[in-house]
N, C-alpha and C. Protein backbone atom coordinates (compact mmCIF):
# COMPACT_ATOMS: atom_id res chain seq x y z
N MET A 1 0.82 -1.19 0.00
CA MET A 1 0.00 0.00 0.00
C MET A 1 0.86 1.25 0.00
N LYS A 2 1.95 1.22 0.78
CA LYS A 2 2.85 2.36 0.86
C LYS A 2 3.46 2.65 -0.51
N MET A 3 3.81 1.58 -1.25
CA MET A 3 4.40 1.74 -2.57
C MET A 3 3.40 2.36 -3.54
N VAL A 4 2.14 1.93 -3.47
CA VAL A 4 1.09 2.48 -4.33
C VAL A 4 0.91 3.97 -4.04
N PHE A 5 0.88 4.33 -2.74
CA PHE A 5 0.76 5.73 -2.38
C PHE A 5 1.92 6.54 -2.94
N SER A 6 3.13 6.01 -2.82
CA SER A 6 4.31 6.72 -3.33
C SER A 6 4.22 6.95 -4.82
N ILE A 7 3.79 5.93 -5.57
CA ILE A 7 3.69 6.05 -7.03
C ILE A 7 2.62 7.08 -7.39
N VAL A 8 1.48 7.05 -6.71
CA VAL A 8 0.41 8.01 -6.98
C VAL A 8 0.89 9.42 -6.66
N PHE A 9 1.56 9.60 -5.52
CA PHE A 9 2.08 10.91 -5.14
C PHE A 9 3.06 11.43 -6.18
N MET A 10 3.99 10.58 -6.60
CA MET A 10 4.99 10.98 -7.60
C MET A 10 4.32 11.36 -8.91
N THR A 11 3.31 10.58 -9.33
CA THR A 11 2.62 10.87 -10.58
C THR A 11 1.91 12.21 -10.50
N LEU A 12 1.21 12.46 -9.40
CA LEU A 12 0.53 13.75 -9.24
C LEU A 12 1.52 14.90 -9.22
N THR A 13 2.65 14.69 -8.58
CA THR A 13 3.67 15.73 -8.52
C THR A 13 4.23 16.01 -9.90
N VAL A 14 4.48 14.95 -10.67
CA VAL A 14 5.00 15.12 -12.03
C VAL A 14 4.00 15.90 -12.87
N LEU A 15 2.73 15.55 -12.75
CA LEU A 15 1.71 16.25 -13.53
C LEU A 15 1.62 17.71 -13.12
N ARG A 16 1.72 18.00 -11.83
CA ARG A 16 1.65 19.36 -11.35
C ARG A 16 2.88 20.16 -11.77
N CYS A 17 4.06 19.54 -11.67
CA CYS A 17 5.31 20.25 -11.99
C CYS A 17 5.54 20.33 -13.49
N GLY A 18 4.92 19.48 -14.25
CA GLY A 18 5.19 19.42 -15.68
C GLY A 18 4.64 20.57 -16.48
N HIS A 19 3.70 21.33 -15.93
CA HIS A 19 3.08 22.40 -16.67
C HIS A 19 3.20 23.70 -15.90
N PRO A 20 4.10 24.59 -16.35
CA PRO A 20 4.25 25.84 -15.63
C PRO A 20 3.00 26.70 -15.79
N PRO A 21 2.73 27.59 -14.83
CA PRO A 21 1.56 28.44 -14.94
C PRO A 21 1.71 29.41 -16.11
N ALA A 22 0.60 29.90 -16.56
CA ALA A 22 0.62 30.87 -17.66
C ALA A 22 1.36 32.12 -17.21
N PRO A 23 2.06 32.80 -18.15
CA PRO A 23 2.79 34.00 -17.77
C PRO A 23 1.88 35.01 -17.08
N GLY A 24 2.38 35.58 -15.99
CA GLY A 24 1.64 36.59 -15.27
C GLY A 24 0.63 36.04 -14.28
N LYS A 25 0.40 34.72 -14.29
CA LYS A 25 -0.57 34.14 -13.37
C LYS A 25 0.06 34.00 -11.98
N ASN A 26 -0.62 34.46 -10.97
CA ASN A 26 -0.13 34.36 -9.60
C ASN A 26 -0.56 33.01 -9.04
N THR A 27 0.41 32.16 -8.75
CA THR A 27 0.10 30.83 -8.25
C THR A 27 0.13 30.77 -6.74
N GLY A 28 0.56 31.84 -6.10
CA GLY A 28 0.64 31.84 -4.64
C GLY A 28 1.92 31.19 -4.14
N GLN A 29 2.73 30.61 -5.04
CA GLN A 29 3.99 30.00 -4.63
C GLN A 29 5.08 31.06 -4.65
N SER A 30 6.04 30.89 -3.77
CA SER A 30 7.15 31.82 -3.76
C SER A 30 8.04 31.58 -4.97
N LYS A 31 8.69 32.65 -5.42
CA LYS A 31 9.60 32.53 -6.56
C LYS A 31 10.91 31.98 -6.08
N ARG A 32 11.71 31.46 -7.03
CA ARG A 32 13.05 30.99 -6.70
C ARG A 32 13.87 32.12 -6.12
N GLU A 33 14.86 31.76 -5.35
CA GLU A 33 15.73 32.77 -4.77
C GLU A 33 16.83 33.19 -5.73
N TYR A 34 16.82 32.65 -6.91
CA TYR A 34 17.81 32.99 -7.91
C TYR A 34 17.12 33.07 -9.25
N SER A 35 17.74 33.73 -10.17
CA SER A 35 17.18 33.81 -11.52
C SER A 35 18.27 33.47 -12.51
N THR A 36 17.85 33.06 -13.69
CA THR A 36 18.83 32.71 -14.72
C THR A 36 18.50 33.44 -16.00
N PRO A 37 19.52 33.77 -16.79
CA PRO A 37 19.27 34.45 -18.04
C PRO A 37 18.83 33.50 -19.16
N ASP A 38 18.78 32.21 -18.87
CA ASP A 38 18.44 31.21 -19.87
C ASP A 38 17.00 31.40 -20.34
N THR A 39 16.82 31.55 -21.64
CA THR A 39 15.48 31.74 -22.18
C THR A 39 14.98 30.51 -22.92
N THR A 40 15.72 29.43 -22.87
CA THR A 40 15.25 28.21 -23.52
C THR A 40 14.10 27.62 -22.73
N PRO A 41 13.20 26.89 -23.40
CA PRO A 41 12.08 26.29 -22.67
C PRO A 41 12.60 25.36 -21.58
N THR A 42 11.88 25.31 -20.48
CA THR A 42 12.27 24.44 -19.37
C THR A 42 12.18 22.99 -19.81
N ASP A 43 13.27 22.25 -19.62
CA ASP A 43 13.26 20.82 -19.89
C ASP A 43 12.47 20.13 -18.80
N GLN A 44 11.72 19.12 -19.16
CA GLN A 44 10.95 18.39 -18.17
C GLN A 44 11.81 17.30 -17.56
N ILE A 45 11.73 17.14 -16.27
CA ILE A 45 12.47 16.11 -15.57
C ILE A 45 11.56 14.90 -15.42
N ASN A 46 12.05 13.72 -15.78
CA ASN A 46 11.29 12.50 -15.53
C ASN A 46 11.50 12.17 -14.06
N LEU A 47 10.64 12.68 -13.22
CA LEU A 47 10.85 12.63 -11.78
C LEU A 47 10.82 11.23 -11.19
N THR A 48 9.94 10.38 -11.67
CA THR A 48 9.84 9.05 -11.08
C THR A 48 11.13 8.26 -11.30
N GLN A 49 11.59 8.19 -12.54
CA GLN A 49 12.83 7.46 -12.82
C GLN A 49 14.03 8.12 -12.16
N SER A 50 14.09 9.43 -12.21
CA SER A 50 15.22 10.15 -11.63
C SER A 50 15.30 9.96 -10.13
N SER A 51 14.15 9.99 -9.44
CA SER A 51 14.18 9.87 -7.99
C SER A 51 14.70 8.50 -7.56
N ILE A 52 14.32 7.47 -8.28
CA ILE A 52 14.82 6.12 -7.96
C ILE A 52 16.33 6.07 -8.18
N ARG A 53 16.78 6.63 -9.29
CA ARG A 53 18.20 6.60 -9.62
C ARG A 53 19.02 7.42 -8.61
N LEU A 54 18.53 8.59 -8.23
CA LEU A 54 19.26 9.44 -7.29
C LEU A 54 19.41 8.76 -5.93
N ARG A 55 18.38 8.05 -5.49
CA ARG A 55 18.43 7.36 -4.20
C ARG A 55 19.47 6.24 -4.18
N ASN A 56 19.81 5.72 -5.33
CA ASN A 56 20.75 4.60 -5.40
C ASN A 56 22.19 5.03 -5.67
N LEU A 57 22.45 6.32 -5.76
CA LEU A 57 23.80 6.78 -6.08
C LEU A 57 24.78 6.61 -4.93
N PHE A 58 24.33 6.80 -3.71
CA PHE A 58 25.22 6.74 -2.55
C PHE A 58 24.61 5.80 -1.52
N THR A 59 25.32 4.73 -1.21
CA THR A 59 24.78 3.65 -0.39
C THR A 59 25.49 3.53 0.95
N LEU A 60 24.93 2.71 1.82
CA LEU A 60 25.56 2.44 3.11
C LEU A 60 26.97 1.86 2.94
N PRO A 61 27.18 0.89 2.04
CA PRO A 61 28.57 0.41 1.85
C PRO A 61 29.53 1.52 1.41
N ASP A 62 29.05 2.46 0.59
CA ASP A 62 29.90 3.61 0.21
C ASP A 62 30.27 4.42 1.44
N ALA A 63 29.28 4.73 2.25
CA ALA A 63 29.52 5.53 3.46
C ALA A 63 30.50 4.82 4.39
N GLU A 64 30.34 3.51 4.56
CA GLU A 64 31.23 2.76 5.44
C GLU A 64 32.65 2.71 4.91
N ARG A 65 32.81 2.66 3.60
CA ARG A 65 34.16 2.70 3.02
C ARG A 65 34.84 4.03 3.33
N ILE A 66 34.08 5.11 3.22
CA ILE A 66 34.65 6.44 3.50
C ILE A 66 34.90 6.63 4.99
N LEU A 67 33.92 6.29 5.81
CA LEU A 67 34.07 6.47 7.26
C LEU A 67 35.06 5.50 7.87
N GLY A 68 35.29 4.37 7.18
CA GLY A 68 36.23 3.38 7.66
C GLY A 68 35.71 2.54 8.81
N GLU A 69 34.41 2.54 8.98
CA GLU A 69 33.80 1.77 10.06
C GLU A 69 32.31 1.57 9.78
N LYS A 70 31.69 0.72 10.57
CA LYS A 70 30.26 0.46 10.42
C LYS A 70 29.47 1.73 10.71
N ALA A 71 28.38 1.90 9.95
CA ALA A 71 27.57 3.10 10.08
C ALA A 71 26.10 2.75 9.84
N HIS A 72 25.27 3.75 9.96
CA HIS A 72 23.84 3.58 9.71
C HIS A 72 23.29 4.84 9.05
N LEU A 73 22.19 4.68 8.32
CA LEU A 73 21.50 5.81 7.72
C LEU A 73 20.85 6.61 8.83
N SER A 74 21.21 7.87 8.97
CA SER A 74 20.66 8.68 10.05
C SER A 74 19.63 9.70 9.56
N ASP A 75 19.57 9.92 8.24
CA ASP A 75 18.59 10.84 7.69
C ASP A 75 18.53 10.67 6.18
N SER A 76 17.36 10.89 5.61
CA SER A 76 17.23 10.91 4.15
C SER A 76 15.95 11.63 3.77
N ALA A 77 15.98 12.28 2.61
CA ALA A 77 14.79 12.99 2.13
C ALA A 77 14.89 13.16 0.63
N LEU A 78 13.76 13.01 -0.01
CA LEU A 78 13.63 13.29 -1.43
C LEU A 78 12.65 14.45 -1.54
N THR A 79 13.08 15.53 -2.19
CA THR A 79 12.20 16.68 -2.32
C THR A 79 12.05 17.06 -3.78
N ILE A 80 10.87 17.53 -4.10
CA ILE A 80 10.58 18.02 -5.44
C ILE A 80 10.01 19.41 -5.26
N LYS A 81 10.68 20.40 -5.84
CA LYS A 81 10.22 21.77 -5.72
C LYS A 81 10.33 22.43 -7.09
N GLU A 82 9.21 22.84 -7.61
CA GLU A 82 9.16 23.44 -8.93
C GLU A 82 9.86 22.54 -9.94
N ASP A 83 10.99 22.98 -10.46
CA ASP A 83 11.70 22.20 -11.48
C ASP A 83 12.97 21.55 -10.96
N THR A 84 13.01 21.28 -9.65
CA THR A 84 14.21 20.72 -9.03
C THR A 84 13.87 19.46 -8.24
N LEU A 85 14.66 18.43 -8.47
CA LEU A 85 14.55 17.19 -7.72
C LEU A 85 15.81 17.07 -6.89
N ALA A 86 15.67 16.83 -5.60
CA ALA A 86 16.85 16.73 -4.72
C ALA A 86 16.72 15.52 -3.82
N TYR A 87 17.83 14.80 -3.68
CA TYR A 87 17.90 13.70 -2.73
C TYR A 87 19.04 13.99 -1.77
N LYS A 88 18.75 13.90 -0.46
CA LYS A 88 19.74 14.13 0.58
C LYS A 88 19.74 12.94 1.52
N CYS A 89 20.92 12.59 1.99
CA CYS A 89 20.98 11.56 3.03
C CYS A 89 22.21 11.79 3.89
N ALA A 90 22.20 11.18 5.06
CA ALA A 90 23.32 11.26 5.99
C ALA A 90 23.53 9.90 6.62
N TYR A 91 24.80 9.55 6.79
CA TYR A 91 25.17 8.32 7.47
C TYR A 91 26.06 8.70 8.65
N THR A 92 25.86 8.00 9.76
CA THR A 92 26.61 8.27 10.98
C THR A 92 27.29 6.98 11.43
N ALA A 93 28.54 7.09 11.85
CA ALA A 93 29.26 5.93 12.36
C ALA A 93 28.54 5.38 13.59
N ASN A 94 28.61 4.08 13.76
CA ASN A 94 27.93 3.44 14.88
C ASN A 94 28.61 3.67 16.22
N ALA A 95 29.87 4.06 16.19
CA ALA A 95 30.62 4.22 17.44
C ALA A 95 31.52 5.46 17.36
N THR A 96 31.87 5.95 18.50
CA THR A 96 32.81 7.06 18.60
C THR A 96 34.22 6.52 18.39
N ASP A 97 35.01 7.24 17.61
CA ASP A 97 36.39 6.85 17.35
C ASP A 97 37.21 7.00 18.64
N GLN A 98 37.90 5.94 19.04
CA GLN A 98 38.66 5.95 20.29
C GLN A 98 39.84 6.93 20.25
N LYS A 99 40.48 7.08 19.08
CA LYS A 99 41.67 7.94 18.99
C LYS A 99 41.32 9.43 19.00
N THR A 100 40.23 9.81 18.32
CA THR A 100 39.90 11.23 18.19
C THR A 100 38.76 11.68 19.09
N GLY A 101 37.98 10.72 19.59
CA GLY A 101 36.82 11.07 20.40
C GLY A 101 35.66 11.63 19.58
N LYS A 102 35.74 11.51 18.25
CA LYS A 102 34.70 12.04 17.37
C LYS A 102 33.90 10.90 16.74
N THR A 103 32.66 11.20 16.40
CA THR A 103 31.82 10.26 15.67
C THR A 103 31.68 10.77 14.26
N GLY A 104 32.12 9.98 13.29
CA GLY A 104 32.10 10.39 11.89
C GLY A 104 30.70 10.46 11.31
N ASN A 105 30.51 11.45 10.45
CA ASN A 105 29.26 11.63 9.70
C ASN A 105 29.60 11.93 8.26
N ILE A 106 28.74 11.50 7.37
CA ILE A 106 28.88 11.89 5.97
C ILE A 106 27.53 12.31 5.44
N TYR A 107 27.53 13.44 4.77
CA TYR A 107 26.31 14.02 4.20
C TYR A 107 26.43 13.99 2.68
N PHE A 108 25.35 13.64 2.04
CA PHE A 108 25.32 13.50 0.58
C PHE A 108 24.09 14.21 0.05
N MET A 109 24.26 14.93 -1.05
CA MET A 109 23.13 15.59 -1.68
C MET A 109 23.37 15.63 -3.18
N VAL A 110 22.34 15.28 -3.93
CA VAL A 110 22.40 15.41 -5.38
C VAL A 110 21.12 16.10 -5.82
N GLU A 111 21.28 17.10 -6.69
CA GLU A 111 20.14 17.85 -7.20
C GLU A 111 20.11 17.75 -8.71
N GLN A 112 18.92 17.65 -9.25
CA GLN A 112 18.73 17.64 -10.70
C GLN A 112 17.82 18.81 -11.04
N PHE A 113 18.31 19.71 -11.88
CA PHE A 113 17.57 20.89 -12.26
C PHE A 113 17.05 20.74 -13.69
N ALA A 114 16.07 21.53 -14.06
CA ALA A 114 15.51 21.48 -15.40
C ALA A 114 16.42 22.15 -16.42
N LYS A 115 17.29 23.05 -15.96
CA LYS A 115 18.18 23.79 -16.86
C LYS A 115 19.62 23.72 -16.36
N VAL A 116 20.53 23.57 -17.27
CA VAL A 116 21.96 23.59 -16.94
C VAL A 116 22.33 24.92 -16.30
N SER A 117 21.74 26.00 -16.80
CA SER A 117 22.10 27.33 -16.29
C SER A 117 21.79 27.48 -14.80
N ILE A 118 20.76 26.80 -14.30
CA ILE A 118 20.45 26.87 -12.87
C ILE A 118 21.56 26.19 -12.07
N ALA A 119 21.97 25.01 -12.52
CA ALA A 119 23.06 24.29 -11.85
C ALA A 119 24.36 25.11 -11.89
N GLN A 120 24.64 25.75 -13.03
CA GLN A 120 25.84 26.58 -13.15
C GLN A 120 25.79 27.74 -12.17
N TYR A 121 24.64 28.37 -12.06
CA TYR A 121 24.49 29.51 -11.16
C TYR A 121 24.70 29.11 -9.70
N ILE A 122 24.09 28.02 -9.29
CA ILE A 122 24.21 27.58 -7.90
C ILE A 122 25.65 27.15 -7.61
N TYR A 123 26.26 26.40 -8.52
CA TYR A 123 27.66 25.99 -8.35
C TYR A 123 28.53 27.23 -8.16
N SER A 124 28.39 28.20 -9.05
CA SER A 124 29.21 29.42 -8.99
C SER A 124 29.01 30.16 -7.68
N SER A 125 27.77 30.24 -7.21
CA SER A 125 27.48 30.94 -5.95
C SER A 125 28.17 30.27 -4.77
N ILE A 126 28.08 28.96 -4.70
CA ILE A 126 28.70 28.22 -3.59
C ILE A 126 30.22 28.34 -3.67
N LYS A 127 30.77 28.17 -4.86
CA LYS A 127 32.22 28.25 -5.03
C LYS A 127 32.74 29.65 -4.65
N ARG A 128 32.06 30.68 -5.12
CA ARG A 128 32.46 32.05 -4.80
C ARG A 128 32.46 32.29 -3.30
N ALA A 129 31.48 31.75 -2.60
CA ALA A 129 31.37 31.95 -1.15
C ALA A 129 32.51 31.28 -0.39
N ASN A 130 33.14 30.27 -1.00
CA ASN A 130 34.17 29.50 -0.29
C ASN A 130 35.57 29.62 -0.87
N GLU A 131 35.72 30.21 -2.05
CA GLU A 131 37.00 30.16 -2.75
C GLU A 131 38.16 30.85 -2.03
N ASN A 132 37.90 31.75 -1.12
CA ASN A 132 38.99 32.42 -0.40
C ASN A 132 39.37 31.72 0.90
N HIS A 133 38.69 30.62 1.20
CA HIS A 133 39.05 29.85 2.40
C HIS A 133 40.27 28.98 2.10
N GLU A 134 41.02 28.73 3.12
CA GLU A 134 42.18 27.85 2.98
C GLU A 134 41.71 26.42 2.71
N GLY A 135 42.44 25.71 1.88
CA GLY A 135 42.13 24.31 1.61
C GLY A 135 41.20 24.05 0.44
N VAL A 136 40.89 25.08 -0.36
CA VAL A 136 40.03 24.90 -1.54
C VAL A 136 40.92 24.57 -2.74
N LYS A 137 40.54 23.52 -3.45
CA LYS A 137 41.30 23.10 -4.62
C LYS A 137 40.32 22.82 -5.77
N VAL A 138 40.49 23.54 -6.88
CA VAL A 138 39.66 23.32 -8.07
C VAL A 138 40.09 22.01 -8.71
N LEU A 139 39.11 21.20 -9.08
CA LEU A 139 39.36 19.91 -9.73
C LEU A 139 38.99 20.03 -11.20
N HIS A 140 40.00 19.98 -12.07
CA HIS A 140 39.76 20.19 -13.49
C HIS A 140 39.38 18.91 -14.23
N ASP A 141 39.43 17.78 -13.56
CA ASP A 141 39.20 16.50 -14.24
C ASP A 141 37.97 15.76 -13.71
N LEU A 142 37.01 16.51 -13.17
CA LEU A 142 35.83 15.88 -12.59
C LEU A 142 34.58 16.64 -13.00
N GLY A 143 33.65 15.97 -13.66
CA GLY A 143 32.42 16.61 -14.11
C GLY A 143 32.71 17.76 -15.04
N ASP A 144 31.78 18.71 -15.11
CA ASP A 144 31.99 19.92 -15.92
C ASP A 144 32.76 20.97 -15.13
N GLU A 145 32.57 20.96 -13.82
CA GLU A 145 33.33 21.82 -12.91
C GLU A 145 33.20 21.25 -11.51
N ALA A 146 34.27 21.37 -10.74
CA ALA A 146 34.27 20.77 -9.41
C ALA A 146 35.34 21.41 -8.54
N TYR A 147 35.11 21.35 -7.22
CA TYR A 147 36.17 21.74 -6.30
C TYR A 147 36.08 20.92 -5.03
N PHE A 148 37.23 20.80 -4.37
CA PHE A 148 37.37 20.07 -3.11
C PHE A 148 37.77 21.08 -2.05
N HIS A 149 37.31 20.86 -0.81
CA HIS A 149 37.65 21.76 0.29
C HIS A 149 37.84 20.94 1.56
N SER A 150 38.92 21.24 2.28
CA SER A 150 39.18 20.57 3.55
C SER A 150 40.06 21.44 4.43
N ASP A 151 39.84 21.35 5.72
CA ASP A 151 40.74 22.02 6.67
C ASP A 151 41.80 21.04 7.18
N ARG A 152 41.80 19.81 6.65
CA ARG A 152 42.74 18.73 6.96
C ARG A 152 42.64 18.20 8.39
N GLN A 153 41.64 18.65 9.12
CA GLN A 153 41.46 18.17 10.49
C GLN A 153 40.04 17.70 10.79
N ASN A 154 39.05 18.38 10.21
CA ASN A 154 37.68 18.14 10.61
C ASN A 154 36.73 17.70 9.50
N PHE A 155 36.99 18.11 8.27
CA PHE A 155 36.02 17.82 7.22
C PHE A 155 36.66 17.67 5.84
N TYR A 156 35.94 16.95 4.96
CA TYR A 156 36.21 16.89 3.53
C TYR A 156 34.91 17.31 2.84
N PHE A 157 35.00 18.13 1.83
CA PHE A 157 33.83 18.56 1.08
C PHE A 157 34.14 18.55 -0.41
N ILE A 158 33.18 18.12 -1.21
CA ILE A 158 33.34 18.19 -2.65
C ILE A 158 32.03 18.66 -3.26
N LEU A 159 32.14 19.53 -4.25
CA LEU A 159 30.99 20.00 -5.02
C LEU A 159 31.31 19.77 -6.48
N VAL A 160 30.42 19.07 -7.17
CA VAL A 160 30.61 18.74 -8.59
C VAL A 160 29.36 19.14 -9.35
N ARG A 161 29.57 19.80 -10.50
CA ARG A 161 28.47 20.03 -11.43
C ARG A 161 28.73 19.23 -12.68
N LYS A 162 27.73 18.47 -13.09
CA LYS A 162 27.80 17.74 -14.34
C LYS A 162 26.48 17.97 -15.05
N GLY A 163 26.53 18.75 -16.12
CA GLY A 163 25.30 19.11 -16.82
C GLY A 163 24.37 19.84 -15.88
N GLU A 164 23.14 19.35 -15.77
CA GLU A 164 22.13 19.99 -14.94
C GLU A 164 22.07 19.43 -13.52
N LYS A 165 23.09 18.66 -13.15
CA LYS A 165 23.10 18.03 -11.82
C LYS A 165 24.24 18.58 -10.95
N LEU A 166 23.96 18.66 -9.65
CA LEU A 166 24.97 19.04 -8.66
C LEU A 166 25.11 17.92 -7.65
N LEU A 167 26.33 17.59 -7.33
CA LEU A 167 26.65 16.59 -6.31
C LEU A 167 27.41 17.29 -5.19
N ARG A 168 26.94 17.10 -3.97
CA ARG A 168 27.64 17.62 -2.79
C ARG A 168 27.86 16.45 -1.84
N MET A 169 29.06 16.36 -1.34
CA MET A 169 29.36 15.31 -0.37
C MET A 169 30.30 15.91 0.67
N LYS A 170 29.98 15.66 1.95
CA LYS A 170 30.81 16.22 3.02
C LYS A 170 30.94 15.23 4.16
N VAL A 171 32.18 14.96 4.53
CA VAL A 171 32.45 14.23 5.76
C VAL A 171 32.67 15.30 6.81
N ASN A 172 31.89 15.22 7.86
CA ASN A 172 32.05 16.16 8.96
C ASN A 172 32.46 15.35 10.18
N LYS A 173 33.46 15.83 10.86
CA LYS A 173 34.07 15.11 11.96
C LYS A 173 34.85 13.91 11.43
N THR A 174 35.88 14.19 10.66
CA THR A 174 36.76 13.11 10.22
C THR A 174 37.40 12.48 11.45
N THR A 175 37.64 11.19 11.36
CA THR A 175 38.22 10.44 12.47
C THR A 175 39.51 9.77 11.99
N SER A 176 40.13 9.00 12.85
CA SER A 176 41.35 8.29 12.46
C SER A 176 41.06 7.21 11.42
N ALA A 177 39.80 6.81 11.26
CA ALA A 177 39.42 5.76 10.31
C ALA A 177 38.95 6.32 8.96
N THR A 178 38.67 7.61 8.88
CA THR A 178 38.13 8.21 7.65
C THR A 178 39.16 8.11 6.52
N SER A 179 38.68 7.73 5.33
CA SER A 179 39.56 7.55 4.19
C SER A 179 39.32 8.62 3.12
N LEU A 180 40.29 9.49 2.93
CA LEU A 180 40.21 10.49 1.87
C LEU A 180 40.27 9.82 0.50
N ASP A 181 41.06 8.76 0.37
CA ASP A 181 41.13 8.04 -0.91
C ASP A 181 39.77 7.48 -1.30
N GLU A 182 39.06 6.89 -0.36
CA GLU A 182 37.72 6.35 -0.64
C GLU A 182 36.75 7.49 -0.95
N PHE A 183 36.85 8.57 -0.22
CA PHE A 183 36.01 9.74 -0.46
C PHE A 183 36.15 10.19 -1.92
N ASN A 184 37.40 10.36 -2.36
CA ASN A 184 37.66 10.80 -3.73
C ASN A 184 37.21 9.77 -4.75
N SER A 185 37.48 8.51 -4.49
CA SER A 185 37.10 7.44 -5.41
C SER A 185 35.59 7.35 -5.59
N ILE A 186 34.86 7.40 -4.50
CA ILE A 186 33.40 7.29 -4.56
C ILE A 186 32.80 8.53 -5.23
N ALA A 187 33.34 9.71 -4.96
CA ALA A 187 32.86 10.92 -5.63
C ALA A 187 33.05 10.80 -7.14
N ARG A 188 34.18 10.23 -7.56
CA ARG A 188 34.43 10.04 -9.00
C ARG A 188 33.49 9.01 -9.59
N ASN A 189 33.24 7.92 -8.88
CA ASN A 189 32.32 6.89 -9.38
C ASN A 189 30.91 7.44 -9.53
N ILE A 190 30.46 8.21 -8.56
CA ILE A 190 29.12 8.77 -8.65
C ILE A 190 29.03 9.77 -9.79
N THR A 191 30.04 10.62 -9.92
CA THR A 191 30.05 11.60 -11.00
C THR A 191 30.00 10.92 -12.36
N ALA A 192 30.68 9.81 -12.50
CA ALA A 192 30.71 9.10 -13.78
C ALA A 192 29.32 8.64 -14.22
N VAL A 193 28.43 8.34 -13.28
CA VAL A 193 27.10 7.86 -13.65
C VAL A 193 26.00 8.92 -13.54
N LEU A 194 26.36 10.15 -13.17
CA LEU A 194 25.35 11.22 -13.11
C LEU A 194 24.77 11.48 -14.49
């Protein structure tokens, strides 16, 4: 029954999102917080197929490889807003690291926009806000544009844009078991299939 409800909800959402309101019509919804100069017609997102695919991009075994220890899913959400589909999840280590006294967490988010220009705008905004911080490194060989950021003590962060999609992944509270090599490898594997 739960599966039937989910399919019906997704179908209704696709139908609602698939047809923008007529120009000048007040829908009562708030406008986006950003605008784009792109005047091409909005591409339609196949939300049902995309949502299933986005949920399968980052798994518990991936999180455990990065964290270097057993973990569990601590949060997840799939949201559809206007022309954007977003999947977010978080995994938390099952135990506190004995050497550092920290409990590792990894946060994952992938967004699919209807226009490449929206993804470009958001990527640029985030990068601009962080580019003067220490530990930012532009990655020229990943997606269409990407950067990595770390303070080498507490976190690893990566932001990748590939076409109309954005991938964000962050380990917060790195521990003695956290693997930067696995973090980079998994980010590359996910980007390859975006």
